Amino acid sequence: MSTSSALVLACVGSLVLAVVLAVLGFRALAAARGVRRVQVPARLLSESPSPGGEFVDVEYPAPDGRTLRARMHVFRVHAPGQPYVFDGTVWVDPARPTDVTPRRQGRTAGAVTTLVLAGVALVAALGTGIGAAVVRFADSLPS
């Protein structure tokens, strides 16, 4: 197998991987954002630093009046209108009160990670495609 053929094969494989990861990532993102959540007040019990944010332990009321506890990771967000740390509220899925997140959009970290990997695979496909074209061009030059 020639070098250009191997690069074309790697390009196609990377492209297929990018498309599959993108589809999975966008589906996971839609599923996470599709969960209806309600905002409830929460009391901060403790916090500890972690990469990119803090782990916080909170108490919050369940729809039936019980007090529930949860441990969440709150990312540091540097965007207009977004608090840097825990803001005293949590977003709860009324159907599953133990499913609690610090932001309305829900659990999107896995979906975003999958989309980032899809982007990396797309860049790999582009790079191997350009590499294959360069090798084919170089092979076509007279010796």
N, C-alpha and C. Protein backbone atom coordinates (compact mmCIF):
# COMPACT_ATOMS: atom_id res chain seq x y z
N MET A 1 0.85 -1.17 0.00
CA MET A 1 0.00 0.00 0.00
C MET A 1 0.90 1.23 0.00
N SER A 2 0.59 2.16 -0.87
CA SER A 2 1.40 3.38 -0.96
C SER A 2 1.05 4.34 0.18
N THR A 3 1.94 5.29 0.37
CA THR A 3 1.74 6.28 1.43
C THR A 3 0.49 7.11 1.20
N SER A 4 0.25 7.51 -0.05
CA SER A 4 -0.94 8.33 -0.32
C SER A 4 -2.22 7.53 -0.10
N SER A 5 -2.20 6.24 -0.44
CA SER A 5 -3.39 5.40 -0.20
C SER A 5 -3.66 5.25 1.29
N ALA A 6 -2.61 5.08 2.07
CA ALA A 6 -2.77 4.97 3.52
C ALA A 6 -3.32 6.27 4.11
N LEU A 7 -2.84 7.40 3.58
CA LEU A 7 -3.34 8.69 4.06
C LEU A 7 -4.80 8.90 3.66
N VAL A 8 -5.18 8.48 2.47
CA VAL A 8 -6.58 8.59 2.05
C VAL A 8 -7.46 7.71 2.94
N LEU A 9 -6.99 6.52 3.24
CA LEU A 9 -7.75 5.62 4.13
C LEU A 9 -7.90 6.24 5.52
N ALA A 10 -6.82 6.83 6.04
CA ALA A 10 -6.88 7.49 7.34
C ALA A 10 -7.83 8.69 7.30
N CYS A 11 -7.83 9.40 6.18
CA CYS A 11 -8.72 10.55 6.01
C CYS A 11 -10.18 10.12 6.06
N VAL A 12 -10.49 9.07 5.31
CA VAL A 12 -11.87 8.58 5.28
C VAL A 12 -12.29 8.06 6.65
N GLY A 13 -11.39 7.32 7.31
CA GLY A 13 -11.71 6.81 8.65
C GLY A 13 -11.93 7.93 9.64
N SER A 14 -11.08 8.96 9.60
CA SER A 14 -11.24 10.11 10.50
C SER A 14 -12.53 10.86 10.21
N LEU A 15 -12.89 10.96 8.94
CA LEU A 15 -14.12 11.65 8.57
C LEU A 15 -15.35 10.89 9.06
N VAL A 16 -15.34 9.58 8.90
CA VAL A 16 -16.45 8.76 9.40
C VAL A 16 -16.55 8.88 10.91
N LEU A 17 -15.41 8.81 11.59
CA LEU A 17 -15.40 8.95 13.05
C LEU A 17 -15.94 10.32 13.46
N ALA A 18 -15.55 11.37 12.76
CA ALA A 18 -16.02 12.72 13.08
C ALA A 18 -17.54 12.83 12.94
N VAL A 19 -18.08 12.25 11.87
CA VAL A 19 -19.53 12.32 11.65
C VAL A 19 -20.27 11.53 12.73
N VAL A 20 -19.79 10.34 13.05
CA VAL A 20 -20.44 9.52 14.08
C VAL A 20 -20.40 10.24 15.43
N LEU A 21 -19.24 10.78 15.81
CA LEU A 21 -19.12 11.49 17.08
C LEU A 21 -19.99 12.75 17.10
N ALA A 22 -20.08 13.46 15.98
CA ALA A 22 -20.91 14.66 15.93
C ALA A 22 -22.39 14.31 16.11
N VAL A 23 -22.84 13.26 15.44
CA VAL A 23 -24.24 12.84 15.59
C VAL A 23 -24.52 12.44 17.04
N LEU A 24 -23.64 11.63 17.62
CA LEU A 24 -23.84 11.22 19.02
C LEU A 24 -23.80 12.43 19.96
N GLY A 25 -22.87 13.34 19.73
CA GLY A 25 -22.76 14.52 20.58
C GLY A 25 -23.97 15.43 20.51
N PHE A 26 -24.46 15.68 19.30
CA PHE A 26 -25.64 16.55 19.17
C PHE A 26 -26.90 15.89 19.74
N ARG A 27 -27.01 14.58 19.59
CA ARG A 27 -28.16 13.87 20.20
C ARG A 27 -28.09 13.94 21.72
N ALA A 28 -26.90 13.74 22.29
CA ALA A 28 -26.74 13.81 23.74
C ALA A 28 -27.01 15.22 24.25
N LEU A 29 -26.57 16.22 23.49
CA LEU A 29 -26.80 17.60 23.87
C LEU A 29 -28.30 17.93 23.85
N ALA A 30 -29.00 17.47 22.82
CA ALA A 30 -30.45 17.70 22.74
C ALA A 30 -31.18 16.98 23.86
N ALA A 31 -30.74 15.78 24.19
CA ALA A 31 -31.38 15.03 25.28
C ALA A 31 -31.17 15.74 26.62
N ALA A 32 -29.96 16.24 26.85
CA ALA A 32 -29.67 16.93 28.12
C ALA A 32 -30.47 18.22 28.23
N ARG A 33 -30.58 18.93 27.14
CA ARG A 33 -31.33 20.19 27.17
C ARG A 33 -32.83 19.99 27.11
N GLY A 34 -33.26 18.80 26.73
CA GLY A 34 -34.68 18.50 26.61
C GLY A 34 -35.36 18.16 27.94
N VAL A 35 -34.57 17.97 28.98
CA VAL A 35 -35.14 17.66 30.29
C VAL A 35 -35.72 18.94 30.90
N ARG A 36 -36.98 18.87 31.27
CA ARG A 36 -37.63 20.03 31.89
C ARG A 36 -37.12 20.15 33.33
N ARG A 37 -36.60 21.29 33.66
CA ARG A 37 -36.06 21.52 34.99
C ARG A 37 -36.70 22.75 35.62
N VAL A 38 -36.80 22.72 36.94
CA VAL A 38 -37.30 23.87 37.68
C VAL A 38 -36.20 24.37 38.61
N GLN A 39 -36.16 25.66 38.79
CA GLN A 39 -35.15 26.27 39.64
C GLN A 39 -35.66 26.30 41.07
N VAL A 40 -34.84 25.83 41.99
CA VAL A 40 -35.21 25.84 43.41
C VAL A 40 -34.04 26.41 44.21
N PRO A 41 -34.36 27.02 45.36
CA PRO A 41 -33.28 27.55 46.20
C PRO A 41 -32.49 26.40 46.82
N ALA A 42 -31.22 26.63 47.03
CA ALA A 42 -30.37 25.61 47.64
C ALA A 42 -29.45 26.27 48.66
N ARG A 43 -29.12 25.51 49.66
CA ARG A 43 -28.22 26.00 50.70
C ARG A 43 -26.86 25.33 50.52
N LEU A 44 -25.84 26.15 50.45
CA LEU A 44 -24.48 25.64 50.30
C LEU A 44 -24.01 25.04 51.61
N LEU A 45 -23.61 23.77 51.58
CA LEU A 45 -23.10 23.11 52.77
C LEU A 45 -21.58 23.16 52.83
N SER A 46 -20.95 22.88 51.70
CA SER A 46 -19.48 22.94 51.65
C SER A 46 -19.05 23.07 50.20
N GLU A 47 -17.82 23.49 50.02
CA GLU A 47 -17.25 23.56 48.69
C GLU A 47 -15.77 23.25 48.77
N SER A 48 -15.27 22.66 47.70
CA SER A 48 -13.85 22.35 47.63
C SER A 48 -13.38 22.62 46.20
N PRO A 49 -12.17 23.14 46.06
CA PRO A 49 -11.68 23.49 44.72
C PRO A 49 -11.42 22.25 43.87
N SER A 50 -11.61 22.43 42.58
CA SER A 50 -11.31 21.38 41.61
C SER A 50 -10.87 22.06 40.32
N PRO A 51 -10.27 21.32 39.41
CA PRO A 51 -9.85 21.96 38.16
C PRO A 51 -11.04 22.57 37.41
N GLY A 52 -10.97 23.85 37.14
CA GLY A 52 -12.01 24.52 36.38
C GLY A 52 -13.20 24.98 37.18
N GLY A 53 -13.21 24.77 38.48
CA GLY A 53 -14.36 25.19 39.26
C GLY A 53 -14.28 24.71 40.70
N GLU A 54 -15.44 24.36 41.24
CA GLU A 54 -15.53 23.86 42.61
C GLU A 54 -16.51 22.71 42.67
N PHE A 55 -16.28 21.80 43.61
CA PHE A 55 -17.28 20.82 43.98
C PHE A 55 -18.07 21.43 45.12
N VAL A 56 -19.39 21.41 45.02
CA VAL A 56 -20.23 21.96 46.08
C VAL A 56 -21.20 20.90 46.57
N ASP A 57 -21.42 20.90 47.88
CA ASP A 57 -22.45 20.08 48.49
C ASP A 57 -23.58 21.02 48.86
N VAL A 58 -24.81 20.68 48.43
CA VAL A 58 -25.95 21.55 48.66
C VAL A 58 -27.13 20.77 49.21
N GLU A 59 -28.01 21.50 49.89
CA GLU A 59 -29.31 20.98 50.32
C GLU A 59 -30.37 21.75 49.55
N TYR A 60 -31.39 21.03 49.09
CA TYR A 60 -32.46 21.69 48.34
C TYR A 60 -33.76 20.94 48.59
N PRO A 61 -34.90 21.62 48.41
CA PRO A 61 -36.19 20.96 48.66
C PRO A 61 -36.63 20.13 47.45
N ALA A 62 -37.13 18.93 47.72
CA ALA A 62 -37.71 18.09 46.68
C ALA A 62 -39.15 18.56 46.45
N PRO A 63 -39.78 18.18 45.33
CA PRO A 63 -41.17 18.58 45.09
C PRO A 63 -42.14 18.13 46.18
N ASP A 64 -41.83 17.03 46.85
CA ASP A 64 -42.73 16.54 47.91
C ASP A 64 -42.41 17.13 49.28
N GLY A 65 -41.45 18.06 49.35
CA GLY A 65 -41.15 18.73 50.61
C GLY A 65 -39.94 18.17 51.35
N ARG A 66 -39.46 17.00 50.98
CA ARG A 66 -38.28 16.44 51.64
C ARG A 66 -37.07 17.33 51.34
N THR A 67 -36.07 17.24 52.19
CA THR A 67 -34.82 17.94 51.94
C THR A 67 -33.83 16.93 51.36
N LEU A 68 -33.29 17.26 50.21
CA LEU A 68 -32.33 16.38 49.54
C LEU A 68 -30.95 17.03 49.55
N ARG A 69 -29.93 16.20 49.42
CA ARG A 69 -28.55 16.68 49.34
C ARG A 69 -27.93 16.19 48.05
N ALA A 70 -27.04 16.99 47.51
CA ALA A 70 -26.35 16.60 46.28
C ALA A 70 -24.95 17.20 46.28
N ARG A 71 -24.07 16.53 45.56
CA ARG A 71 -22.71 17.04 45.32
C ARG A 71 -22.61 17.31 43.82
N MET A 72 -22.24 18.53 43.47
CA MET A 72 -22.19 18.93 42.06
C MET A 72 -20.85 19.61 41.77
N HIS A 73 -20.48 19.58 40.51
CA HIS A 73 -19.33 20.35 40.07
C HIS A 73 -19.85 21.61 39.41
N VAL A 74 -19.40 22.75 39.89
CA VAL A 74 -19.78 24.04 39.34
C VAL A 74 -18.56 24.58 38.61
N PHE A 75 -18.66 24.70 37.28
CA PHE A 75 -17.55 25.21 36.48
C PHE A 75 -17.45 26.72 36.63
N ARG A 76 -16.23 27.23 36.58
CA ARG A 76 -16.04 28.67 36.51
C ARG A 76 -16.40 29.12 35.11
N VAL A 77 -17.35 30.01 35.00
CA VAL A 77 -17.80 30.50 33.71
C VAL A 77 -17.45 31.98 33.61
N HIS A 78 -16.76 32.33 32.56
CA HIS A 78 -16.40 33.74 32.34
C HIS A 78 -17.22 34.24 31.15
N ALA A 79 -18.51 34.48 31.40
CA ALA A 79 -19.41 34.93 30.35
C ALA A 79 -20.38 35.94 30.96
N PRO A 80 -20.85 36.89 30.17
CA PRO A 80 -21.80 37.88 30.69
C PRO A 80 -23.07 37.21 31.21
N GLY A 81 -23.48 37.60 32.39
CA GLY A 81 -24.72 37.09 32.96
C GLY A 81 -24.61 35.73 33.63
N GLN A 82 -23.44 35.14 33.64
CA GLN A 82 -23.25 33.84 34.28
C GLN A 82 -22.40 34.02 35.54
N PRO A 83 -22.85 33.47 36.66
CA PRO A 83 -22.05 33.61 37.89
C PRO A 83 -20.78 32.76 37.79
N TYR A 84 -19.73 33.23 38.46
CA TYR A 84 -18.47 32.49 38.45
C TYR A 84 -18.56 31.23 39.31
N VAL A 85 -19.36 31.26 40.34
CA VAL A 85 -19.47 30.14 41.27
C VAL A 85 -20.94 29.84 41.56
N PHE A 86 -21.18 29.00 42.53
CA PHE A 86 -22.53 28.62 42.92
C PHE A 86 -23.34 29.86 43.32
N ASP A 87 -24.55 29.99 42.75
CA ASP A 87 -25.35 31.20 42.95
C ASP A 87 -26.51 31.04 43.94
N GLY A 88 -26.60 29.91 44.64
CA GLY A 88 -27.66 29.74 45.64
C GLY A 88 -28.91 29.06 45.11
N THR A 89 -28.89 28.62 43.86
CA THR A 89 -30.02 27.89 43.30
C THR A 89 -29.52 26.66 42.55
N VAL A 90 -30.41 25.70 42.38
CA VAL A 90 -30.12 24.52 41.56
C VAL A 90 -31.30 24.27 40.64
N TRP A 91 -31.07 23.52 39.59
CA TRP A 91 -32.11 23.16 38.64
C TRP A 91 -32.39 21.68 38.79
N VAL A 92 -33.65 21.35 39.06
CA VAL A 92 -34.05 19.98 39.40
C VAL A 92 -35.05 19.46 38.37
N ASP A 93 -34.89 18.20 38.00
CA ASP A 93 -35.87 17.51 37.16
C ASP A 93 -37.00 17.05 38.10
N PRO A 94 -38.23 17.59 37.96
CA PRO A 94 -39.31 17.22 38.87
C PRO A 94 -39.64 15.72 38.84
N ALA A 95 -39.40 15.08 37.70
CA ALA A 95 -39.68 13.64 37.62
C ALA A 95 -38.62 12.82 38.35
N ARG A 96 -37.42 13.35 38.46
CA ARG A 96 -36.31 12.68 39.16
C ARG A 96 -35.62 13.71 40.04
N PRO A 97 -36.12 13.95 41.25
CA PRO A 97 -35.58 15.02 42.09
C PRO A 97 -34.10 14.90 42.44
N THR A 98 -33.54 13.72 42.30
CA THR A 98 -32.11 13.58 42.59
C THR A 98 -31.25 14.00 41.40
N ASP A 99 -31.86 14.27 40.24
CA ASP A 99 -31.15 14.77 39.07
C ASP A 99 -31.10 16.29 39.18
N VAL A 100 -30.01 16.78 39.72
CA VAL A 100 -29.87 18.20 40.02
C VAL A 100 -28.59 18.71 39.36
N THR A 101 -28.68 19.92 38.81
CA THR A 101 -27.52 20.54 38.17
C THR A 101 -27.47 22.01 38.57
N PRO A 102 -26.29 22.62 38.44
CA PRO A 102 -26.19 24.03 38.81
C PRO A 102 -26.71 24.98 37.73
N ARG A 103 -26.93 24.48 36.52
CA ARG A 103 -27.40 25.34 35.43
C ARG A 103 -28.60 24.70 34.73
N ARG A 104 -29.39 25.52 34.11
CA ARG A 104 -30.64 25.08 33.50
C ARG A 104 -30.46 24.05 32.39
N GLN A 105 -29.41 24.18 31.60
CA GLN A 105 -29.26 23.31 30.43
C GLN A 105 -28.98 21.86 30.80
N GLY A 106 -28.70 21.57 32.04
CA GLY A 106 -28.53 20.18 32.46
C GLY A 106 -27.13 19.67 32.28
N ARG A 107 -27.02 18.37 32.21
CA ARG A 107 -25.72 17.69 32.14
C ARG A 107 -25.24 17.63 30.69
N THR A 108 -24.45 18.61 30.32
CA THR A 108 -23.99 18.70 28.93
C THR A 108 -22.50 18.42 28.76
N ALA A 109 -21.78 18.17 29.84
CA ALA A 109 -20.32 18.00 29.75
C ALA A 109 -19.94 16.83 28.85
N GLY A 110 -20.62 15.71 28.97
CA GLY A 110 -20.32 14.55 28.13
C GLY A 110 -20.59 14.83 26.66
N ALA A 111 -21.69 15.51 26.39
CA ALA A 111 -22.03 15.84 25.01
C ALA A 111 -21.02 16.81 24.42
N VAL A 112 -20.61 17.79 25.19
CA VAL A 112 -19.63 18.77 24.70
C VAL A 112 -18.28 18.09 24.47
N THR A 113 -17.90 17.20 25.36
CA THR A 113 -16.64 16.45 25.17
C THR A 113 -16.69 15.64 23.88
N THR A 114 -17.83 15.00 23.62
CA THR A 114 -17.98 14.22 22.38
C THR A 114 -17.89 15.12 21.16
N LEU A 115 -18.48 16.30 21.23
CA LEU A 115 -18.40 17.24 20.10
C LEU A 115 -16.98 17.77 19.90
N VAL A 116 -16.24 17.97 20.98
CA VAL A 116 -14.85 18.39 20.84
C VAL A 116 -14.03 17.28 20.18
N LEU A 117 -14.27 16.03 20.57
CA LEU A 117 -13.58 14.91 19.93
C LEU A 117 -13.95 14.81 18.45
N ALA A 118 -15.20 15.11 18.12
CA ALA A 118 -15.61 15.13 16.72
C ALA A 118 -14.84 16.19 15.96
N GLY A 119 -14.63 17.34 16.57
CA GLY A 119 -13.84 18.39 15.94
C GLY A 119 -12.39 17.98 15.73
N VAL A 120 -11.83 17.29 16.71
CA VAL A 120 -10.45 16.79 16.58
C VAL A 120 -10.37 15.79 15.43
N ALA A 121 -11.35 14.89 15.34
CA ALA A 121 -11.36 13.91 14.24
C ALA A 121 -11.52 14.61 12.90
N LEU A 122 -12.31 15.67 12.86
CA LEU A 122 -12.48 16.42 11.61
C LEU A 122 -11.17 17.10 11.19
N VAL A 123 -10.45 17.65 12.15
CA VAL A 123 -9.15 18.26 11.85
C VAL A 123 -8.17 17.19 11.38
N ALA A 124 -8.22 16.00 12.00
CA ALA A 124 -7.35 14.89 11.56
C ALA A 124 -7.69 14.49 10.13
N ALA A 125 -8.98 14.46 9.81
CA ALA A 125 -9.39 14.12 8.44
C ALA A 125 -8.88 15.16 7.45
N LEU A 126 -8.99 16.42 7.82
CA LEU A 126 -8.49 17.49 6.95
C LEU A 126 -6.97 17.37 6.76
N GLY A 127 -6.26 17.15 7.84
CA GLY A 127 -4.81 17.04 7.78
C GLY A 127 -4.34 15.86 6.94
N THR A 128 -4.97 14.70 7.14
CA THR A 128 -4.56 13.53 6.36
C THR A 128 -4.98 13.67 4.90
N GLY A 129 -6.09 14.36 4.66
CA GLY A 129 -6.51 14.61 3.27
C GLY A 129 -5.52 15.51 2.55
N ILE A 130 -5.09 16.57 3.22
CA ILE A 130 -4.10 17.46 2.63
C ILE A 130 -2.78 16.71 2.44
N GLY A 131 -2.42 15.91 3.45
CA GLY A 131 -1.19 15.11 3.34
C GLY A 131 -1.24 14.16 2.16
N ALA A 132 -2.37 13.52 1.94
CA ALA A 132 -2.51 12.60 0.80
C ALA A 132 -2.38 13.36 -0.51
N ALA A 133 -2.97 14.55 -0.59
CA ALA A 133 -2.87 15.33 -1.83
C ALA A 133 -1.43 15.76 -2.09
N VAL A 134 -0.71 16.15 -1.04
CA VAL A 134 0.68 16.57 -1.19
C VAL A 134 1.54 15.39 -1.65
N VAL A 135 1.33 14.22 -1.03
CA VAL A 135 2.12 13.04 -1.40
C VAL A 135 1.82 12.64 -2.85
N ARG A 136 0.56 12.67 -3.24
CA ARG A 136 0.22 12.33 -4.64
C ARG A 136 0.85 13.32 -5.61
N PHE A 137 0.82 14.60 -5.24
CA PHE A 137 1.44 15.60 -6.11
C PHE A 137 2.95 15.37 -6.20
N ALA A 138 3.57 15.08 -5.05
CA ALA A 138 5.02 14.84 -5.05
C ALA A 138 5.38 13.60 -5.87
N ASP A 139 4.51 12.58 -5.82
CA ASP A 139 4.75 11.35 -6.59
C ASP A 139 4.62 11.61 -8.10
N SER A 140 3.84 12.61 -8.46
CA SER A 140 3.61 12.89 -9.88
C SER A 140 4.74 13.71 -10.51
N LEU A 141 5.59 14.29 -9.69
CA LEU A 141 6.70 15.09 -10.22
C LEU A 141 7.75 14.17 -10.83
N PRO A 142 8.39 14.63 -11.89
CA PRO A 142 9.46 13.81 -12.48
C PRO A 142 10.65 13.72 -11.54
N SER A 143 11.31 12.58 -11.57
CA SER A 143 12.45 12.36 -10.67
C SER A 143 13.66 13.09 -11.11
